[in-house]
Amino acid sequence: MKKRNLLLIPIAVCVIACAAAVGYIQYHPEELTNVSQAVRAGDATKAALEAQPVGGIIYFSQNFQNTDQTTTMLDNTQTYARSVGANIPLFMGVDEEGGTVARVASSLGTTKVDDMAEYGKQNDSQQAYEIGKTLATDISGFGFNVDFAPVADVLSNENNTEIGARSFGSDPEVVSNMVSNEVKGMQESGVMATLKHFPGHGSTQSNSHEGTSVSTRTLEELQNCDLKPFEAGIEQNAAFIMVSHMTNENLDDVPCSLSTKVITDLLRGELGYDGIVITDGLDMGAVTDKYSNGDAAIMAVQAGADMLLCPPSISDAFDALSKAVADGAITEQRIDESVMRILTAKLEYGLMN
């Protein structure tokens, strides 16, 4: 994910009392408090959480000035959230892949990790484990509990403009080995990992941030290559999987993040994943060029996504999902499934204590 305002909306918050009380919206802190740059959590943060309880916040380099400031900001925010949200804690997230995507290391001087392509050349399981452990230990010290990493894409197209050196490489067995061990190291160190970008963005050429990005991989090709690192991460019980906005023409004619065939049939059904599924940012061109905010939110939820990442308008997504439930286009059972996955993750990782 490139740097941008991010927002996660659990579908459940829109309609039923238990979800509203839990409050599973995840904001960029600037969106939460309506300031240009959020570097502290005080009265404005508390008031915002009282007015609109949320389930998490995701931070970027602009939010970090120094170690004390960052730790205090996150701690205060978590304290305020517990006080107004039935003692339900927040997902505190950050993109900390290493290499070119390292929000914390670039701002606060934590351990420098190279691009994953450098480590993929060595295919060292212990090294991958140590990367996950190091990243988790570094960011959890400030109060983060979710990392949007590792990248599980196999770089099969050398002209790929979106993934590049963020991937461990072009060999699915190597990528699987490294991803599996990084997830293990990260989650054993108390931080929830996120496999991205399902079902594998390494075969594309166009950048989905800017517009439509297409893959022509067949299901057999996916099974023999792109899906292998995700299967390896699932075996390590990766807490999150992020679904990409690329369109795989052999699976469906809509972006993967909006596709029932991709999320429910392939990820849930064939791969057996029952963790949290979130979309990539719904403010990206691959979605916004073709779908309204409301339509994209509804399609993602119907497809099986538990959380929506960065819809361009929170109110549009909220209103559209509320109406879809009222009209019966989205069932309460579909909502309850996502609520349980989110609560289970927070319980398993000790956030509820």
Protein backbone atom coordinates (compact mmCIF):
# COMPACT_ATOMS: atom_id res chain seq x y z
CA MET A 1 0.00 0.00 0.00
CA LYS A 2 1.29 3.44 -0.82
CA LYS A 3 1.01 6.27 1.71
CA ARG A 4 -2.56 7.52 1.86
CA ASN A 5 -5.39 8.09 4.28
CA LEU A 6 -6.71 4.71 5.36
CA LEU A 7 -10.02 3.71 6.82
CA LEU A 8 -11.31 0.31 7.87
CA ILE A 9 -15.04 -0.25 8.29
CA PRO A 10 -16.26 -3.55 9.67
CA ILE A 11 -19.54 -4.25 8.04
CA ALA A 12 -21.18 -5.05 11.35
CA VAL A 13 -20.99 -1.55 12.76
CA CYS A 14 -23.70 -0.35 10.47
CA VAL A 15 -26.78 -2.11 11.70
CA ILE A 16 -26.84 -4.14 14.88
CA ALA A 17 -26.48 -3.02 18.45
CA CYS A 18 -23.65 -5.30 19.48
CA ALA A 19 -21.49 -4.16 16.58
CA ALA A 20 -22.29 -0.52 17.17
CA ALA A 21 -21.23 -0.89 20.79
CA VAL A 22 -18.00 -2.58 19.77
CA GLY A 23 -17.34 0.05 17.07
CA TYR A 24 -15.20 -1.48 14.32
CA ILE A 25 -14.26 1.48 12.17
CA GLN A 26 -10.56 2.03 11.63
CA TYR A 27 -9.47 5.55 10.79
CA HIS A 28 -6.35 7.38 9.90
CA PRO A 29 -5.97 9.66 12.97
CA GLU A 30 -6.38 12.81 10.88
CA GLU A 31 -9.77 11.59 9.72
CA LEU A 32 -10.78 10.81 13.27
CA THR A 33 -9.94 14.21 14.75
CA ASN A 34 -10.24 16.38 11.62
CA VAL A 35 -6.72 17.82 11.88
CA SER A 36 -4.07 18.13 9.18
CA GLN A 37 -1.40 16.20 11.11
CA ALA A 38 -2.09 14.09 14.18
CA VAL A 39 0.87 13.76 16.56
CA ARG A 40 -0.89 13.58 19.92
CA ALA A 41 -4.04 12.14 21.47
CA GLY A 42 -5.81 14.51 23.82
CA ASP A 43 -9.25 16.00 24.29
CA ALA A 44 -10.01 16.04 20.56
CA THR A 45 -9.26 12.33 20.26
CA LYS A 46 -11.33 11.47 23.30
CA ALA A 47 -14.26 13.53 22.06
CA ALA A 48 -14.05 11.93 18.62
CA LEU A 49 -14.05 8.44 20.09
CA GLU A 50 -17.01 9.31 22.28
CA ALA A 51 -18.94 10.66 19.30
CA GLN A 52 -17.94 7.81 16.97
CA PRO A 53 -16.38 4.75 18.63
CA VAL A 54 -13.99 3.08 16.22
CA GLY A 55 -12.29 -0.28 16.12
CA GLY A 56 -8.84 0.79 15.11
CA ILE A 57 -6.47 3.45 13.82
CA ILE A 58 -3.68 3.15 11.29
CA TYR A 59 -0.68 5.45 11.42
CA PHE A 60 1.94 6.75 8.99
CA SER A 61 5.32 8.45 9.15
CA GLN A 62 3.78 11.90 9.52
CA ASN A 63 2.35 10.85 12.88
CA PHE A 64 5.73 10.02 14.42
CA GLN A 65 8.01 12.71 15.88
CA ASN A 66 9.96 10.74 18.48
CA THR A 67 9.65 7.59 20.54
CA ASP A 68 8.09 9.16 23.64
CA GLN A 69 5.57 11.13 21.62
CA THR A 70 4.55 8.06 19.60
CA THR A 71 4.19 5.78 22.62
CA THR A 72 2.16 8.36 24.53
CA MET A 73 -0.10 9.06 21.55
CA LEU A 74 -0.94 5.39 21.05
CA ASP A 75 -1.34 4.68 24.75
CA ASN A 76 -3.67 7.61 25.29
CA THR A 77 -5.72 6.69 22.26
CA GLN A 78 -6.11 3.11 23.45
CA THR A 79 -7.10 4.29 26.93
CA TYR A 80 -9.75 6.63 25.54
CA ALA A 81 -11.11 3.90 23.27
CA ARG A 82 -11.50 1.45 26.14
CA SER A 83 -13.29 4.04 28.25
CA VAL A 84 -15.93 4.76 25.61
CA GLY A 85 -16.19 1.40 23.84
CA ALA A 86 -17.26 -1.18 26.43
CA ASN A 87 -13.56 -1.86 27.12
CA ILE A 88 -13.04 -3.10 23.55
CA PRO A 89 -9.51 -2.16 22.45
CA LEU A 90 -8.39 -0.83 19.11
CA PHE A 91 -6.50 -2.39 16.25
CA MET A 92 -3.39 -0.18 16.12
CA GLY A 93 -1.91 -0.69 12.68
CA VAL A 94 1.02 0.41 10.54
CA ASP A 95 2.64 -0.55 7.22
CA GLU A 96 6.02 -1.87 8.32
CA GLU A 97 7.22 -4.20 5.58
CA GLY A 98 10.85 -3.16 5.67
CA GLY A 99 12.79 -1.66 2.80
CA THR A 100 10.93 1.11 1.00
CA VAL A 101 7.78 0.64 3.12
CA ALA A 102 8.90 1.24 6.70
CA ARG A 103 6.86 3.95 8.40
CA VAL A 104 8.28 3.40 11.90
CA ALA A 105 11.91 2.70 11.00
CA SER A 106 12.13 5.69 8.67
CA SER A 107 10.80 8.07 11.34
CA LEU A 108 11.87 6.63 14.69
CA GLY A 109 15.13 4.87 13.89
CA THR A 110 14.12 1.31 14.73
CA THR A 111 15.90 -1.64 13.13
CA LYS A 112 16.53 -1.12 9.41
CA VAL A 113 15.32 -4.01 7.29
CA ASP A 114 16.10 -4.20 3.56
CA ASP A 115 13.62 -4.85 0.77
CA MET A 116 12.37 -8.44 0.92
CA ALA A 117 13.90 -9.21 -2.49
CA GLU A 118 17.33 -9.12 -0.85
CA TYR A 119 16.38 -11.76 1.71
CA GLY A 120 14.57 -13.92 -0.83
CA LYS A 121 17.88 -14.46 -2.64
CA GLN A 122 19.15 -16.25 0.48
CA ASN A 123 15.97 -18.23 1.25
CA ASP A 124 16.95 -18.51 4.90
CA SER A 125 14.05 -19.62 7.11
CA GLN A 126 15.67 -18.40 10.30
CA GLN A 127 16.40 -15.04 8.75
CA ALA A 128 12.74 -14.65 7.73
CA TYR A 129 11.66 -15.60 11.24
CA GLU A 130 14.02 -13.00 12.70
CA ILE A 131 12.67 -10.34 10.33
CA GLY A 132 9.13 -10.99 11.56
CA LYS A 133 10.26 -11.07 15.17
CA THR A 134 12.29 -7.88 14.82
CA LEU A 135 9.56 -5.91 13.07
CA ALA A 136 6.98 -7.04 15.63
CA THR A 137 9.19 -6.33 18.63
CA ASP A 138 10.07 -2.88 17.32
CA ILE A 139 6.53 -1.73 16.57
CA SER A 140 4.81 -3.42 19.51
CA GLY A 141 7.07 -1.43 21.81
CA PHE A 142 5.18 1.67 20.75
CA GLY A 143 1.75 0.04 21.09
CA PHE A 144 1.06 -1.32 17.61
CA ASN A 145 -0.65 -4.71 17.34
CA VAL A 146 -1.24 -5.05 13.57
CA ASP A 147 1.35 -4.94 10.80
CA PHE A 148 0.22 -4.77 7.18
CA ALA A 149 2.95 -7.21 6.18
CA PRO A 150 4.31 -9.48 4.82
CA VAL A 151 3.97 -9.15 1.05
CA ALA A 152 3.06 -12.64 -0.17
CA ASP A 153 3.08 -11.85 -3.89
CA VAL A 154 5.25 -13.95 -6.20
CA LEU A 155 6.93 -11.61 -8.68
CA SER A 156 6.24 -13.49 -11.92
CA ASN A 157 6.15 -10.38 -14.14
CA GLU A 158 9.48 -8.54 -14.27
CA ASN A 159 7.63 -5.44 -15.52
CA ASN A 160 5.40 -5.29 -12.44
CA THR A 161 5.03 -1.67 -11.32
CA GLU A 162 3.28 -2.19 -7.98
CA ILE A 163 5.16 -4.91 -6.08
CA GLY A 164 8.74 -5.08 -7.31
CA ALA A 165 11.40 -5.53 -4.62
CA ARG A 166 8.73 -5.69 -1.92
CA SER A 167 8.33 -9.37 -2.91
CA PHE A 168 10.67 -12.13 -1.75
CA GLY A 169 11.07 -13.09 -5.40
CA SER A 170 9.84 -15.12 -8.36
CA ASP A 171 10.12 -18.66 -6.94
CA PRO A 172 6.86 -19.66 -5.23
CA GLU A 173 8.62 -22.14 -2.95
CA VAL A 174 11.09 -19.50 -1.76
CA VAL A 175 8.38 -16.90 -1.24
CA SER A 176 6.25 -19.43 0.65
CA ASN A 177 9.12 -20.39 2.94
CA MET A 178 10.02 -16.79 3.73
CA VAL A 179 6.42 -15.62 4.19
CA SER A 180 5.58 -18.55 6.46
CA ASN A 181 8.53 -17.91 8.75
CA GLU A 182 8.05 -14.15 8.82
CA VAL A 183 4.43 -14.61 9.87
CA LYS A 184 5.54 -17.05 12.55
CA GLY A 185 8.15 -14.68 13.94
CA MET A 186 5.78 -11.73 13.87
CA GLN A 187 2.80 -13.38 15.50
CA GLU A 188 4.84 -15.22 18.13
CA SER A 189 6.03 -11.75 19.09
CA GLY A 190 2.47 -10.52 19.60
CA VAL A 191 1.72 -8.61 16.39
CA MET A 192 -0.98 -9.69 13.93
CA ALA A 193 0.37 -10.26 10.42
CA THR A 194 -1.38 -9.41 7.15
CA LEU A 195 -0.77 -11.46 4.01
CA LYS A 196 -1.08 -9.26 0.93
CA HIS A 197 -2.21 -8.92 -1.89
CA PHE A 198 -4.50 -11.94 -2.47
CA PRO A 199 -4.69 -13.84 -4.81
CA GLY A 200 -1.24 -12.59 -5.80
CA HIS A 201 -0.40 -9.29 -7.50
CA GLY A 202 2.97 -10.31 -8.95
CA SER A 203 1.71 -11.18 -12.44
CA THR A 204 0.24 -7.75 -13.20
CA GLN A 205 1.86 -4.79 -14.91
CA SER A 206 -0.42 -1.80 -14.30
CA ASN A 207 -0.66 -0.25 -10.82
CA SER A 208 -4.08 -0.66 -9.20
CA HIS A 209 -3.57 2.57 -7.25
CA GLU A 210 -3.88 4.39 -10.55
CA GLY A 211 -6.47 2.35 -12.45
CA THR A 212 -7.48 -1.09 -13.68
CA SER A 213 -4.85 -3.78 -13.18
CA VAL A 214 -5.42 -7.12 -14.91
CA SER A 215 -4.08 -10.64 -14.46
CA THR A 216 -4.72 -13.48 -16.90
CA ARG A 217 -3.47 -16.25 -14.61
CA THR A 218 -5.57 -19.39 -14.79
CA LEU A 219 -6.75 -21.13 -11.64
CA GLU A 220 -4.18 -23.87 -12.28
CA GLU A 221 -1.40 -21.28 -12.57
CA LEU A 222 -2.54 -19.65 -9.35
CA GLN A 223 -2.58 -23.00 -7.56
CA ASN A 224 0.92 -23.84 -8.79
CA CYS A 225 2.41 -20.47 -7.99
CA ASP A 226 0.61 -17.39 -6.63
CA LEU A 227 -1.51 -19.08 -3.99
CA LYS A 228 1.31 -21.08 -2.42
CA PRO A 229 2.65 -18.27 -0.16
CA PHE A 230 -0.87 -17.51 1.04
CA GLU A 231 -1.42 -21.18 1.85
CA ALA A 232 1.86 -21.17 3.77
CA GLY A 233 0.80 -18.07 5.71
CA ILE A 234 -2.61 -19.56 6.42
CA GLU A 235 -0.90 -22.62 7.92
CA GLN A 236 0.75 -20.19 10.34
CA ASN A 237 -2.69 -18.76 11.21
CA ALA A 238 -2.07 -15.31 9.72
CA ALA A 239 -4.57 -12.99 11.40
CA PHE A 240 -5.39 -10.91 8.29
CA ILE A 241 -5.42 -11.35 4.53
CA MET A 242 -5.68 -8.29 2.30
CA VAL A 243 -7.43 -8.79 -1.04
CA SER A 244 -6.14 -6.84 -4.03
CA HIS A 245 -8.09 -4.71 -6.52
CA MET A 246 -6.60 -6.38 -9.57
CA THR A 247 -9.08 -8.13 -11.87
CA ASN A 248 -8.26 -11.74 -12.69
CA GLU A 249 -10.06 -12.30 -15.96
CA ASN A 250 -10.09 -16.07 -15.55
CA LEU A 251 -11.81 -15.87 -12.16
CA ASP A 252 -14.26 -12.97 -12.45
CA ASP A 253 -14.89 -9.73 -14.34
CA VAL A 254 -14.75 -7.49 -11.25
CA PRO A 255 -11.84 -6.54 -8.96
CA CYS A 256 -10.85 -9.41 -6.66
CA SER A 257 -11.75 -7.32 -3.61
CA LEU A 258 -15.37 -7.20 -4.82
CA SER A 259 -15.60 -10.78 -6.05
CA THR A 260 -17.51 -13.58 -4.34
CA LYS A 261 -15.65 -16.06 -6.53
CA VAL A 262 -12.32 -14.84 -5.17
CA ILE A 263 -13.12 -14.21 -1.49
CA THR A 264 -15.84 -16.72 -0.62
CA ASP A 265 -15.21 -19.48 -3.14
CA LEU A 266 -11.41 -19.40 -3.46
CA LEU A 267 -10.04 -17.90 -0.23
CA ARG A 268 -12.68 -19.15 2.20
CA GLY A 269 -13.74 -22.29 0.33
CA GLU A 270 -10.73 -23.79 -1.43
CA LEU A 271 -8.02 -22.43 0.89
CA GLY A 272 -10.12 -22.75 4.06
CA TYR A 273 -9.19 -19.36 5.52
CA ASP A 274 -11.32 -18.17 8.44
CA GLY A 275 -9.34 -15.16 9.64
CA ILE A 276 -10.06 -11.51 8.91
CA VAL A 277 -10.36 -10.61 5.23
CA ILE A 278 -9.92 -6.95 4.39
CA THR A 279 -9.90 -5.18 1.06
CA ASP A 280 -7.03 -3.07 -0.16
CA GLY A 281 -7.79 0.67 -0.06
CA LEU A 282 -11.14 1.37 -1.68
CA ASP A 283 -9.89 4.83 -2.61
CA MET A 284 -7.62 3.31 -5.27
CA GLY A 285 -8.24 3.96 -8.96
CA ALA A 286 -9.00 0.34 -9.82
CA VAL A 287 -12.19 0.75 -7.78
CA THR A 288 -13.06 4.45 -7.88
CA ASP A 289 -12.81 4.61 -11.68
CA LYS A 290 -15.70 2.16 -12.05
CA TYR A 291 -17.74 2.04 -8.84
CA SER A 292 -19.43 4.47 -6.51
CA ASN A 293 -18.41 4.45 -2.84
CA GLY A 294 -21.64 2.80 -1.80
CA ASP A 295 -21.69 0.17 -4.53
CA ALA A 296 -18.08 -0.85 -3.82
CA ALA A 297 -18.81 -1.19 -0.09
CA ILE A 298 -21.86 -3.37 -0.71
CA MET A 299 -20.12 -5.56 -3.27
CA ALA A 300 -17.12 -6.16 -1.01
CA VAL A 301 -19.32 -7.17 1.91
CA GLN A 302 -21.49 -9.41 -0.23
CA ALA A 303 -18.30 -11.00 -1.59
CA GLY A 304 -17.24 -11.94 1.95
CA ALA A 305 -14.92 -9.16 3.14
CA ASP A 306 -14.94 -8.54 6.89
CA MET A 307 -13.42 -5.07 6.75
CA LEU A 308 -13.35 -2.31 4.17
CA LEU A 309 -10.13 -0.41 3.83
CA CYS A 310 -10.29 3.31 3.14
CA PRO A 311 -13.60 3.92 1.39
CA PRO A 312 -13.43 7.48 0.03
CA SER A 313 -16.45 8.47 2.11
CA ILE A 314 -17.29 6.92 5.46
CA SER A 315 -20.82 8.30 5.35
CA ASP A 316 -21.48 6.91 1.85
CA ALA A 317 -20.27 3.47 2.86
CA PHE A 318 -22.20 3.57 6.14
CA ASP A 319 -25.44 4.66 4.48
CA ALA A 320 -25.13 2.17 1.64
CA LEU A 321 -24.48 -0.78 3.96
CA SER A 322 -27.27 0.22 6.32
CA LYS A 323 -29.73 0.37 3.42
CA ALA A 324 -28.46 -2.94 2.03
CA VAL A 325 -29.15 -4.65 5.36
CA ALA A 326 -32.56 -3.02 5.69
CA ASP A 327 -33.44 -4.16 2.17
CA GLY A 328 -32.17 -7.69 2.78
CA ALA A 329 -29.31 -7.45 0.28
CA ILE A 330 -26.91 -8.18 3.17
CA THR A 331 -28.02 -10.54 5.93
CA GLU A 332 -27.36 -10.17 9.64
CA GLN A 333 -25.75 -13.61 9.54
CA ARG A 334 -23.16 -12.24 7.10
CA ILE A 335 -22.53 -9.39 9.52
CA ASP A 336 -22.30 -11.62 12.59
CA GLU A 337 -19.65 -13.76 10.91
CA SER A 338 -17.38 -10.74 10.54
CA VAL A 339 -18.04 -9.50 14.07
CA MET A 340 -16.98 -12.84 15.47
CA ARG A 341 -13.79 -12.97 13.40
CA ILE A 342 -12.78 -9.49 14.55
CA LEU A 343 -13.56 -10.14 18.20
CA THR A 344 -11.81 -13.51 18.07
CA ALA A 345 -8.62 -11.93 16.75
CA LYS A 346 -8.64 -9.30 19.48
CA LEU A 347 -9.21 -11.97 22.09
CA GLU A 348 -6.55 -14.34 20.79
CA TYR A 349 -3.91 -11.63 20.72
CA GLY A 350 -4.60 -10.46 24.23
CA LEU A 351 -6.18 -7.13 23.37
CA MET A 352 -9.25 -7.91 25.44
CA ASN A 353 -7.29 -8.31 28.67
